[in-house]
Every structure is written in structure tokens, then in C-alpha cells.
Amino acid sequence: MIIDAWAQHPTARHLADPIFASLRRWTKGAIPEGEVPVTATLAAMDQGGVARSLISAWVAPRNVMISNDEVAHFVAESDGRLVGVGSLDISKPMAAVREVRRCVSELGFKAIRVLPWLWELPPTDRRYYPLYAACVDLGIPFCTQVGHTGPMRPSETGRPIPYIDQVALDFPELVIVCGHIGYPWTTEMIAVADKHPNVFIDTSAYSVRRYPGELVEYLRGRGRTKVLFGTNYPMMTASRALEQLDDLGLDDDTRALFLSGNADRVFGLT
């Protein structure tokens, strides 16, 4: 079984947002346009052998690209194969805290995701901290992005040190899933994951052949319980992301943890 720790079922306005122009250039037309039916996402999962995908809302300062209610609707159409991840407007902390609670108690979501580059505010900004407390209280992970940004936005907010390190010090009970590997600060990301028991890395936005060598070494060894597979669908499909998986040289137990076991445990899926 494969669990995709980072995906989106997109809306038309999400796909059409000009912020993704650079990704369209990189992927050479692979990103779809217009409305995408849930059946298309499920078919892409089937092609890559993915049993379940965590799909996230996208809330930006200027607009809502994918709303929490839309995610809940997609999840309901998927026969249990899509798992909801909420997002929210961090500029209104109390409203955001209430929305975190609604996402979990009413919509059944398993995590919250906020992308610091969308807000141009690092994860240590005071506006995030009520959300961290809410996630701890509700027992759900906080998902975020580390490393450089594909869209033409500043990358500084994606540095694992000092930002993720400081958040994990301030909220040691908070489970933090850091997507997109952390490149070019992969070594920093590994150091932070080693240091903090509740910090994890997901490999979204990277195909296996592009994993940095230090991440592969970490995954094969002491990081076998700390790395989760992710795609960043629809920007990358599972079938493309997992090409050359055998080249990683993972033993059976490590492979199972990477592809599904770690995500199952971290997100409390079973």
C-alpha cells in the first residue's frame, strides 16, 4: 500500500492562479487545466499504486484557491481514498483557531497545512502560534513547506533552521510534517528531524531520482521512521515520482515505512 502525504485535488481557480506560471514552465504542460473530476485524481492514484492521498485546502492572503468545504466534498466523493487536510487565514488568528476545530470536529480532517511562502511570513511569526496550540490540543499534525519555492516568491521562509527548529522547541508536542525535502537546506532539515522526535520530512515535489544523496542515506538508516512519501499532485503524479524506486536500495521494512507506514502512524489513518 502507498499513502501520498502531500497532494491536492485542484479547483479550476487553483490551477489557473498566475502564481503557478513557473511550475507550468518546468512541467512542460503536465499540469491540467480547468475543472478536474475526482475520478481523474483517483485514476492517477491507481496508475501510481496509491491507496490513499492526503489532499489539502489552499488559503492565500488574496484568495481561497481550494476551500476546506471543497476538500470535504472531494473526500466524500472518493469512497475513503482521499483524506482531508485543512488550511486557513493566519491573519485572523481566532477565526483560524475556530476553523481548525471545525476542520477536525465537523469535517473529519487529519491535519492542517499552511505554506509560509504564500504569506511571506516564517513559521515563527506570532500569527501561527495559536494554530500550533490548537493542533496540539486536537492531536493533529501541522504540515508546512520547507526548502526553496517553485513559484516566484522568496524562499527564506522555507529554512528549517532557524524556523522549524524554533517552532519545535516552543511546541515539543506538535507533530510537524515538512514537505518538499528542504532542498537546498536538506542537511539542515535532517538535523532538525534528528533533533526533534515529532518532526518529519515528506518527499513531495521530487521524483526519486532527484532525492539529494544525504536524504537517501538518512532514509536507508536512522531516518527510516522519519521520511514520508509525497507527490505534490497534480504538479507531479505518483507514477512519475516513484520511477527508479528500486534504485534507492531500501530493505522491505524501510520501503514499507517510507511508502505508507510512517504516514499511517503520523496522521493516525488507521
C-alpha atoms as a PDB file:
ATOM      1  CA  MET A   1       0.000   0.000   0.000  1.00  0.00           C
ATOM      2  CA  ILE A   2       1.128   3.552  -0.775  1.00  0.00           C
ATOM      3  CA  ILE A   3      -0.038   6.680   1.049  1.00  0.00           C
ATOM      4  CA  ASP A   4       0.626  10.053  -0.554  1.00  0.00           C
ATOM      5  CA  ALA A   5       1.368  12.508   2.255  1.00  0.00           C
ATOM      6  CA  TRP A   6       1.063  15.687   0.146  1.00  0.00           C
ATOM      7  CA  ALA A   7      -1.410  16.169  -2.681  1.00  0.00           C
ATOM      8  CA  GLN A   8      -4.164  18.484  -3.834  1.00  0.00           C
ATOM      9  CA  HIS A   9      -7.360  17.808  -5.698  1.00  0.00           C
ATOM     10  CA  PRO A  10      -7.356  21.129  -7.552  1.00  0.00           C
ATOM     11  CA  THR A  11     -10.108  23.548  -8.384  1.00  0.00           C
ATOM     12  CA  ALA A  12     -10.043  25.457 -11.678  1.00  0.00           C
ATOM     13  CA  ARG A  13      -9.125  28.693  -9.882  1.00  0.00           C
ATOM     14  CA  HIS A  14      -6.256  26.918  -8.102  1.00  0.00           C
ATOM     15  CA  LEU A  15      -4.817  25.642 -11.383  1.00  0.00           C
ATOM     16  CA  ALA A  16      -5.309  28.993 -13.125  1.00  0.00           C
ATOM     17  CA  ASP A  17      -3.622  31.097 -10.454  1.00  0.00           C
ATOM     18  CA  PRO A  18      -0.707  33.024 -12.013  1.00  0.00           C
ATOM     19  CA  ILE A  19       1.483  32.079  -9.072  1.00  0.00           C
ATOM     20  CA  PHE A  20       1.983  28.666 -10.706  1.00  0.00           C
ATOM     21  CA  ALA A  21       3.309  30.007 -14.025  1.00  0.00           C
ATOM     22  CA  SER A  22       6.862  28.906 -13.206  1.00  0.00           C
ATOM     23  CA  LEU A  23       5.671  25.379 -12.353  1.00  0.00           C
ATOM     24  CA  ARG A  24       3.857  25.164 -15.676  1.00  0.00           C
ATOM     25  CA  ARG A  25       7.085  26.081 -17.399  1.00  0.00           C
ATOM     26  CA  TRP A  26       9.026  23.402 -15.506  1.00  0.00           C
ATOM     27  CA  THR A  27       6.463  20.651 -16.019  1.00  0.00           C
ATOM     28  CA  LYS A  28       6.006  21.444 -19.729  1.00  0.00           C
ATOM     29  CA  GLY A  29       2.237  21.279 -19.779  1.00  0.00           C
ATOM     30  CA  ALA A  30       1.821  18.303 -17.443  1.00  0.00           C
ATOM     31  CA  ILE A  31      -0.356  20.309 -15.030  1.00  0.00           C
ATOM     32  CA  PRO A  32      -4.032  20.036 -16.051  1.00  0.00           C
ATOM     33  CA  GLU A  33      -6.281  22.986 -16.783  1.00  0.00           C
ATOM     34  CA  GLY A  34      -9.923  23.631 -15.932  1.00  0.00           C
ATOM     35  CA  GLU A  35     -12.070  21.526 -13.641  1.00  0.00           C
ATOM     36  CA  VAL A  36     -10.643  18.129 -12.698  1.00  0.00           C
ATOM     37  CA  PRO A  37     -13.148  15.446 -11.621  1.00  0.00           C
ATOM     38  CA  VAL A  38     -12.377  13.425  -8.523  1.00  0.00           C
ATOM     39  CA  THR A  39     -12.390  10.330 -10.735  1.00  0.00           C
ATOM     40  CA  ALA A  40      -9.341  11.719 -12.575  1.00  0.00           C
ATOM     41  CA  THR A  41      -7.415  12.090  -9.334  1.00  0.00           C
ATOM     42  CA  LEU A  42      -8.376   8.571  -8.290  1.00  0.00           C
ATOM     43  CA  ALA A  43      -7.272   7.264 -11.684  1.00  0.00           C
ATOM     44  CA  ALA A  44      -3.884   8.959 -11.286  1.00  0.00           C
ATOM     45  CA  MET A  45      -3.587   7.353  -7.867  1.00  0.00           C
ATOM     46  CA  ASP A  46      -4.418   3.956  -9.349  1.00  0.00           C
ATOM     47  CA  GLN A  47      -1.778   4.390 -12.027  1.00  0.00           C
ATOM     48  CA  GLY A  48       0.850   5.037  -9.355  1.00  0.00           C
ATOM     49  CA  GLY A  49      -0.397   2.380  -6.942  1.00  0.00           C
ATOM     50  CA  VAL A  50      -1.543   4.916  -4.343  1.00  0.00           C
ATOM     51  CA  ALA A  51      -4.248   3.703  -1.966  1.00  0.00           C
ATOM     52  CA  ARG A  52      -4.879   6.992  -0.127  1.00  0.00           C
ATOM     53  CA  SER A  53      -3.867  10.632  -0.616  1.00  0.00           C
ATOM     54  CA  LEU A  54      -3.934  13.488   1.854  1.00  0.00           C
ATOM     55  CA  ILE A  55      -5.410  16.414  -0.068  1.00  0.00           C
ATOM     56  CA  SER A  56      -5.173  19.958   1.218  1.00  0.00           C
ATOM     57  CA  ALA A  57      -7.103  23.184   1.011  1.00  0.00           C
ATOM     58  CA  TRP A  58      -5.214  26.258  -0.228  1.00  0.00           C
ATOM     59  CA  VAL A  59      -5.892  29.533   1.553  1.00  0.00           C
ATOM     60  CA  ALA A  60      -3.808  32.518   0.411  1.00  0.00           C
ATOM     61  CA  PRO A  61      -3.833  36.152   1.579  1.00  0.00           C
ATOM     62  CA  ARG A  62      -5.663  37.364  -1.505  1.00  0.00           C
ATOM     63  CA  ASN A  63      -7.998  34.440  -2.208  1.00  0.00           C
ATOM     64  CA  VAL A  64      -9.098  30.927  -1.369  1.00  0.00           C
ATOM     65  CA  MET A  65      -7.798  28.641  -4.101  1.00  0.00           C
ATOM     66  CA  ILE A  66      -9.300  25.460  -2.601  1.00  0.00           C
ATOM     67  CA  SER A  67     -11.670  25.855   0.346  1.00  0.00           C
ATOM     68  CA  ASN A  68     -11.979  23.484   3.283  1.00  0.00           C
ATOM     69  CA  ASP A  69     -15.575  22.753   2.325  1.00  0.00           C
ATOM     70  CA  GLU A  70     -14.490  21.893  -1.223  1.00  0.00           C
ATOM     71  CA  VAL A  71     -11.912  19.479   0.179  1.00  0.00           C
ATOM     72  CA  ALA A  72     -14.612  17.882   2.345  1.00  0.00           C
ATOM     73  CA  HIS A  73     -16.757  17.466  -0.773  1.00  0.00           C
ATOM     74  CA  PHE A  74     -13.901  15.822  -2.684  1.00  0.00           C
ATOM     75  CA  VAL A  75     -13.238  13.483   0.244  1.00  0.00           C
ATOM     76  CA  ALA A  76     -16.911  12.484   0.336  1.00  0.00           C
ATOM     77  CA  GLU A  77     -16.773  11.571  -3.377  1.00  0.00           C
ATOM     78  CA  SER A  78     -13.679   9.396  -3.017  1.00  0.00           C
ATOM     79  CA  ASP A  79     -15.013   6.379  -1.113  1.00  0.00           C
ATOM     80  CA  GLY A  80     -12.435   6.902   1.629  1.00  0.00           C
ATOM     81  CA  ARG A  81      -9.377   7.197  -0.594  1.00  0.00           C
ATOM     82  CA  LEU A  82      -8.885  10.950  -0.126  1.00  0.00           C
ATOM     83  CA  VAL A  83      -8.104  12.321   3.337  1.00  0.00           C
ATOM     84  CA  GLY A  84      -8.757  15.970   4.165  1.00  0.00           C
ATOM     85  CA  VAL A  85      -6.127  18.487   5.253  1.00  0.00           C
ATOM     86  CA  GLY A  86      -7.366  21.955   6.194  1.00  0.00           C
ATOM     87  CA  SER A  87      -5.915  25.401   5.620  1.00  0.00           C
ATOM     88  CA  LEU A  88      -6.825  28.842   6.899  1.00  0.00           C
ATOM     89  CA  ASP A  89      -6.228  32.584   7.030  1.00  0.00           C
ATOM     90  CA  ILE A  90      -3.465  33.164   9.568  1.00  0.00           C
ATOM     91  CA  SER A  91      -4.033  36.939   9.558  1.00  0.00           C
ATOM     92  CA  LYS A  92      -7.117  36.333  11.745  1.00  0.00           C
ATOM     93  CA  PRO A  93      -5.813  34.049  14.480  1.00  0.00           C
ATOM     94  CA  MET A  94      -9.001  33.457  16.479  1.00  0.00           C
ATOM     95  CA  ALA A  95     -11.077  32.801  13.377  1.00  0.00           C
ATOM     96  CA  ALA A  96      -8.280  30.493  12.233  1.00  0.00           C
ATOM     97  CA  VAL A  97      -8.351  28.566  15.519  1.00  0.00           C
ATOM     98  CA  ARG A  98     -12.112  28.112  15.201  1.00  0.00           C
ATOM     99  CA  GLU A  99     -11.632  26.876  11.650  1.00  0.00           C
ATOM    100  CA  VAL A 100      -9.012  24.367  12.805  1.00  0.00           C
ATOM    101  CA  ARG A 101     -11.554  22.991  15.253  1.00  0.00           C
ATOM    102  CA  ARG A 102     -14.258  22.856  12.580  1.00  0.00           C
ATOM    103  CA  CYS A 103     -11.921  21.079  10.156  1.00  0.00           C
ATOM    104  CA  VAL A 104     -11.285  18.339  12.689  1.00  0.00           C
ATOM    105  CA  SER A 105     -14.577  18.006  14.576  1.00  0.00           C
ATOM    106  CA  GLU A 106     -17.026  18.608  11.710  1.00  0.00           C
ATOM    107  CA  LEU A 107     -15.138  17.821   8.509  1.00  0.00           C
ATOM    108  CA  GLY A 108     -13.036  14.943   9.841  1.00  0.00           C
ATOM    109  CA  PHE A 109      -9.709  16.288   8.570  1.00  0.00           C
ATOM    110  CA  LYS A 110      -6.458  14.724   9.752  1.00  0.00           C
ATOM    111  CA  ALA A 111      -4.065  17.699   9.604  1.00  0.00           C
ATOM    112  CA  ILE A 112      -3.662  21.421   8.922  1.00  0.00           C
ATOM    113  CA  ARG A 113      -1.330  22.863   6.297  1.00  0.00           C
ATOM    114  CA  VAL A 114      -0.072  26.436   5.926  1.00  0.00           C
ATOM    115  CA  LEU A 115       2.516  27.458   3.328  1.00  0.00           C
ATOM    116  CA  PRO A 116       4.759  30.202   4.708  1.00  0.00           C
ATOM    117  CA  TRP A 117       5.816  31.406   1.251  1.00  0.00           C
ATOM    118  CA  LEU A 118       2.190  32.200   0.383  1.00  0.00           C
ATOM    119  CA  TRP A 119       2.051  34.581   3.344  1.00  0.00           C
ATOM    120  CA  GLU A 120       5.700  35.670   3.202  1.00  0.00           C
ATOM    121  CA  LEU A 121       5.788  35.047   6.949  1.00  0.00           C
ATOM    122  CA  PRO A 122       8.157  32.489   8.522  1.00  0.00           C
ATOM    123  CA  PRO A 123       6.707  29.749  10.742  1.00  0.00           C
ATOM    124  CA  THR A 124       7.961  31.589  13.844  1.00  0.00           C
ATOM    125  CA  ASP A 125       5.677  34.563  13.215  1.00  0.00           C
ATOM    126  CA  ARG A 126       3.298  35.175  16.128  1.00  0.00           C
ATOM    127  CA  ARG A 127       0.257  34.630  13.912  1.00  0.00           C
ATOM    128  CA  TYR A 128       0.982  30.924  13.612  1.00  0.00           C
ATOM    129  CA  TYR A 129       1.285  30.197  17.310  1.00  0.00           C
ATOM    130  CA  PRO A 130      -2.442  29.938  18.183  1.00  0.00           C
ATOM    131  CA  LEU A 131      -2.744  27.385  15.359  1.00  0.00           C
ATOM    132  CA  TYR A 132       0.077  25.297  16.786  1.00  0.00           C
ATOM    133  CA  ALA A 133      -1.625  25.238  20.180  1.00  0.00           C
ATOM    134  CA  ALA A 134      -4.914  24.210  18.552  1.00  0.00           C
ATOM    135  CA  CYS A 135      -3.222  21.391  16.621  1.00  0.00           C
ATOM    136  CA  VAL A 136      -1.633  20.090  19.826  1.00  0.00           C
ATOM    137  CA  ASP A 137      -4.962  20.201  21.653  1.00  0.00           C
ATOM    138  CA  LEU A 138      -6.702  18.348  18.831  1.00  0.00           C
ATOM    139  CA  GLY A 139      -3.886  15.839  18.331  1.00  0.00           C
ATOM    140  CA  ILE A 140      -3.294  16.557  14.638  1.00  0.00           C
ATOM    141  CA  PRO A 141      -0.112  17.317  12.679  1.00  0.00           C
ATOM    142  CA  PHE A 142       0.802  20.717  11.313  1.00  0.00           C
ATOM    143  CA  CYS A 143       2.071  20.423   7.729  1.00  0.00           C
ATOM    144  CA  THR A 144       4.225  23.029   6.053  1.00  0.00           C
ATOM    145  CA  GLN A 145       6.725  23.559   3.251  1.00  0.00           C
ATOM    146  CA  VAL A 146      10.496  23.684   3.577  1.00  0.00           C
ATOM    147  CA  GLY A 147      13.177  24.465   1.021  1.00  0.00           C
ATOM    148  CA  HIS A 148      13.101  26.815  -1.922  1.00  0.00           C
ATOM    149  CA  THR A 149       9.869  27.846  -3.609  1.00  0.00           C
ATOM    150  CA  GLY A 150       8.957  26.826  -7.143  1.00  0.00           C
ATOM    151  CA  PRO A 151       6.626  29.821  -7.551  1.00  0.00           C
ATOM    152  CA  MET A 152       8.341  33.187  -7.875  1.00  0.00           C
ATOM    153  CA  ARG A 153       8.212  34.031  -4.179  1.00  0.00           C
ATOM    154  CA  PRO A 154      11.014  34.433  -1.623  1.00  0.00           C
ATOM    155  CA  SER A 155      12.440  31.156  -0.341  1.00  0.00           C
ATOM    156  CA  GLU A 156      13.728  32.372   3.031  1.00  0.00           C
ATOM    157  CA  THR A 157      10.578  31.266   4.876  1.00  0.00           C
ATOM    158  CA  GLY A 158      11.410  27.657   3.941  1.00  0.00           C
ATOM    159  CA  ARG A 159      14.585  27.397   6.011  1.00  0.00           C
ATOM    160  CA  PRO A 160      14.438  24.554   8.552  1.00  0.00           C
ATOM    161  CA  ILE A 161      16.952  26.408  10.751  1.00  0.00           C
ATOM    162  CA  PRO A 162      16.038  28.645  12.470  1.00  0.00           C
ATOM    163  CA  TYR A 163      12.304  28.393  11.787  1.00  0.00           C
ATOM    164  CA  ILE A 164      11.204  24.761  12.159  1.00  0.00           C
ATOM    165  CA  ASP A 165      13.801  24.219  14.856  1.00  0.00           C
ATOM    166  CA  GLN A 166      12.414  27.106  16.929  1.00  0.00           C
ATOM    167  CA  VAL A 167       8.776  26.055  16.494  1.00  0.00           C
ATOM    168  CA  ALA A 168       9.642  22.520  17.612  1.00  0.00           C
ATOM    169  CA  LEU A 169      11.417  23.933  20.674  1.00  0.00           C
ATOM    170  CA  ASP A 170       8.421  26.084  21.567  1.00  0.00           C
ATOM    171  CA  PHE A 171       5.877  23.304  20.881  1.00  0.00           C
ATOM    172  CA  PRO A 172       7.591  19.959  21.556  1.00  0.00           C
ATOM    173  CA  GLU A 173       4.215  18.151  21.450  1.00  0.00           C
ATOM    174  CA  LEU A 174       3.386  19.498  17.993  1.00  0.00           C
ATOM    175  CA  VAL A 175       3.810  16.989  15.160  1.00  0.00           C
ATOM    176  CA  ILE A 176       5.324  18.871  12.218  1.00  0.00           C
ATOM    177  CA  VAL A 177       5.454  17.361   8.729  1.00  0.00           C
ATOM    178  CA  CYS A 178       7.837  19.292   6.497  1.00  0.00           C
ATOM    179  CA  GLY A 179       7.093  18.865   2.812  1.00  0.00           C
ATOM    180  CA  HIS A 180       9.355  19.256  -0.231  1.00  0.00           C
ATOM    181  CA  ILE A 181      12.507  17.811   1.398  1.00  0.00           C
ATOM    182  CA  GLY A 182      14.078  21.163   2.314  1.00  0.00           C
ATOM    183  CA  TYR A 183      16.465  21.484  -0.631  1.00  0.00           C
ATOM    184  CA  PRO A 184      18.910  23.289  -0.754  1.00  0.00           C
ATOM    185  CA  TRP A 185      18.902  23.043   3.060  1.00  0.00           C
ATOM    186  CA  THR A 186      18.365  19.273   3.166  1.00  0.00           C
ATOM    187  CA  THR A 187      21.147  18.730   5.698  1.00  0.00           C
ATOM    188  CA  GLU A 188      19.521  21.331   7.963  1.00  0.00           C
ATOM    189  CA  MET A 189      16.183  19.558   7.599  1.00  0.00           C
ATOM    190  CA  ILE A 190      17.696  16.205   8.513  1.00  0.00           C
ATOM    191  CA  ALA A 191      19.388  17.760  11.553  1.00  0.00           C
ATOM    192  CA  VAL A 192      16.076  19.209  12.749  1.00  0.00           C
ATOM    193  CA  ALA A 193      14.256  15.887  12.194  1.00  0.00           C
ATOM    194  CA  ASP A 194      17.009  14.098  14.140  1.00  0.00           C
ATOM    195  CA  LYS A 195      16.833  16.611  16.977  1.00  0.00           C
ATOM    196  CA  HIS A 196      13.053  16.662  17.458  1.00  0.00           C
ATOM    197  CA  PRO A 197      11.035  13.437  17.871  1.00  0.00           C
ATOM    198  CA  ASN A 198       7.901  14.993  16.368  1.00  0.00           C
ATOM    199  CA  VAL A 199       9.432  16.490  13.207  1.00  0.00           C
ATOM    200  CA  PHE A 200       9.132  14.557   9.945  1.00  0.00           C
ATOM    201  CA  ILE A 201      10.083  15.041   6.279  1.00  0.00           C
ATOM    202  CA  ASP A 202       7.965  14.308   3.221  1.00  0.00           C
ATOM    203  CA  THR A 203       9.373  13.946  -0.267  1.00  0.00           C
ATOM    204  CA  SER A 204       6.654  15.793  -2.207  1.00  0.00           C
ATOM    205  CA  ALA A 205       7.599  17.746  -5.345  1.00  0.00           C
ATOM    206  CA  TYR A 206      10.587  15.484  -6.001  1.00  0.00           C
ATOM    207  CA  SER A 207      10.907  12.313  -8.025  1.00  0.00           C
ATOM    208  CA  VAL A 208      13.034   9.522  -6.571  1.00  0.00           C
ATOM    209  CA  ARG A 209      15.882  10.207  -8.983  1.00  0.00           C
ATOM    210  CA  ARG A 210      16.122  13.784  -7.663  1.00  0.00           C
ATOM    211  CA  TYR A 211      16.333  12.955  -3.950  1.00  0.00           C
ATOM    212  CA  PRO A 212      19.507  14.507  -2.519  1.00  0.00           C
ATOM    213  CA  GLY A 213      22.110  11.926  -1.585  1.00  0.00           C
ATOM    214  CA  GLU A 214      22.041  12.884   2.084  1.00  0.00           C
ATOM    215  CA  LEU A 215      18.289  12.244   2.223  1.00  0.00           C
ATOM    216  CA  VAL A 216      18.670   8.806   0.638  1.00  0.00           C
ATOM    217  CA  GLU A 217      21.379   7.918   3.166  1.00  0.00           C
ATOM    218  CA  TYR A 218      19.125   9.152   6.001  1.00  0.00           C
ATOM    219  CA  LEU A 219      16.158   7.163   4.708  1.00  0.00           C
ATOM    220  CA  ARG A 220      18.198   3.976   4.463  1.00  0.00           C
ATOM    221  CA  GLY A 221      19.462   4.342   8.022  1.00  0.00           C
ATOM    222  CA  ARG A 222      18.495   6.268  11.128  1.00  0.00           C
ATOM    223  CA  GLY A 223      15.744   8.216   9.349  1.00  0.00           C
ATOM    224  CA  ARG A 224      13.698   5.176   8.301  1.00  0.00           C
ATOM    225  CA  THR A 225      10.821   6.214  10.609  1.00  0.00           C
ATOM    226  CA  LYS A 226      11.079   9.939   9.771  1.00  0.00           C
ATOM    227  CA  VAL A 227      10.542  10.192   5.998  1.00  0.00           C
ATOM    228  CA  LEU A 228       7.135  10.025   4.274  1.00  0.00           C
ATOM    229  CA  PHE A 229       6.412   9.628   0.583  1.00  0.00           C
ATOM    230  CA  GLY A 230       4.574  12.506  -1.110  1.00  0.00           C
ATOM    231  CA  THR A 231       3.916  13.678  -4.660  1.00  0.00           C
ATOM    232  CA  ASN A 232       2.556  17.258  -4.774  1.00  0.00           C
ATOM    233  CA  TYR A 233      -0.106  16.004  -7.224  1.00  0.00           C
ATOM    234  CA  PRO A 234      -1.252  17.331  -9.700  1.00  0.00           C
ATOM    235  CA  MET A 235       2.135  19.036 -10.168  1.00  0.00           C
ATOM    236  CA  MET A 236       3.656  15.538 -10.026  1.00  0.00           C
ATOM    237  CA  THR A 237       1.981  12.147 -10.269  1.00  0.00           C
ATOM    238  CA  ALA A 238       2.888   9.131  -8.169  1.00  0.00           C
ATOM    239  CA  SER A 239       3.873   7.109 -11.216  1.00  0.00           C
ATOM    240  CA  ARG A 240       6.433   9.751 -12.147  1.00  0.00           C
ATOM    241  CA  ALA A 241       7.591  10.353  -8.569  1.00  0.00           C
ATOM    242  CA  LEU A 242       8.258   6.658  -7.951  1.00  0.00           C
ATOM    243  CA  GLU A 243      10.200   5.892 -11.121  1.00  0.00           C
ATOM    244  CA  GLN A 244      13.506   4.249 -10.139  1.00  0.00           C
ATOM    245  CA  LEU A 245      12.268   3.498  -6.604  1.00  0.00           C
ATOM    246  CA  ASP A 246      14.242   0.236  -6.637  1.00  0.00           C
ATOM    247  CA  ASP A 247      17.425   2.257  -7.135  1.00  0.00           C
ATOM    248  CA  LEU A 248      17.130   3.578  -3.554  1.00  0.00           C
ATOM    249  CA  GLY A 249      18.166   0.164  -2.247  1.00  0.00           C
ATOM    250  CA  LEU A 250      15.646   0.107   0.600  1.00  0.00           C
ATOM    251  CA  ASP A 251      15.066  -3.083   2.554  1.00  0.00           C
ATOM    252  CA  ASP A 252      11.484  -4.340   2.740  1.00  0.00           C
ATOM    253  CA  ASP A 253      10.725  -2.856   6.166  1.00  0.00           C
ATOM    254  CA  THR A 254      12.153   0.560   5.281  1.00  0.00           C
ATOM    255  CA  ARG A 255      10.334   0.595   1.959  1.00  0.00           C
ATOM    256  CA  ALA A 256       7.017  -0.163   3.680  1.00  0.00           C
ATOM    257  CA  LEU A 257       7.589   2.564   6.276  1.00  0.00           C
ATOM    258  CA  PHE A 258       8.506   5.105   3.609  1.00  0.00           C
ATOM    259  CA  LEU A 259       5.604   4.346   1.278  1.00  0.00           C
ATOM    260  CA  SER A 260       2.844   4.048   3.864  1.00  0.00           C
ATOM    261  CA  GLY A 261       3.731   3.049   7.415  1.00  0.00           C
ATOM    262  CA  ASN A 262       5.121   6.385   8.539  1.00  0.00           C
ATOM    263  CA  ALA A 263       2.219   8.371   7.091  1.00  0.00           C
ATOM    264  CA  ASP A 264      -0.295   5.932   8.568  1.00  0.00           C
ATOM    265  CA  ARG A 265       1.233   6.423  12.016  1.00  0.00           C
ATOM    266  CA  VAL A 266       1.881  10.172  11.847  1.00  0.00           C
ATOM    267  CA  PHE A 267      -1.583  11.087  10.530  1.00  0.00           C
ATOM    268  CA  GLY A 268      -3.454   8.453  12.547  1.00  0.00           C
ATOM    269  CA  LEU A 269      -5.156   6.960   9.495  1.00  0.00           C
ATOM    270  CA  THR A 270      -5.967   3.535  10.988  1.00  0.00           C
END
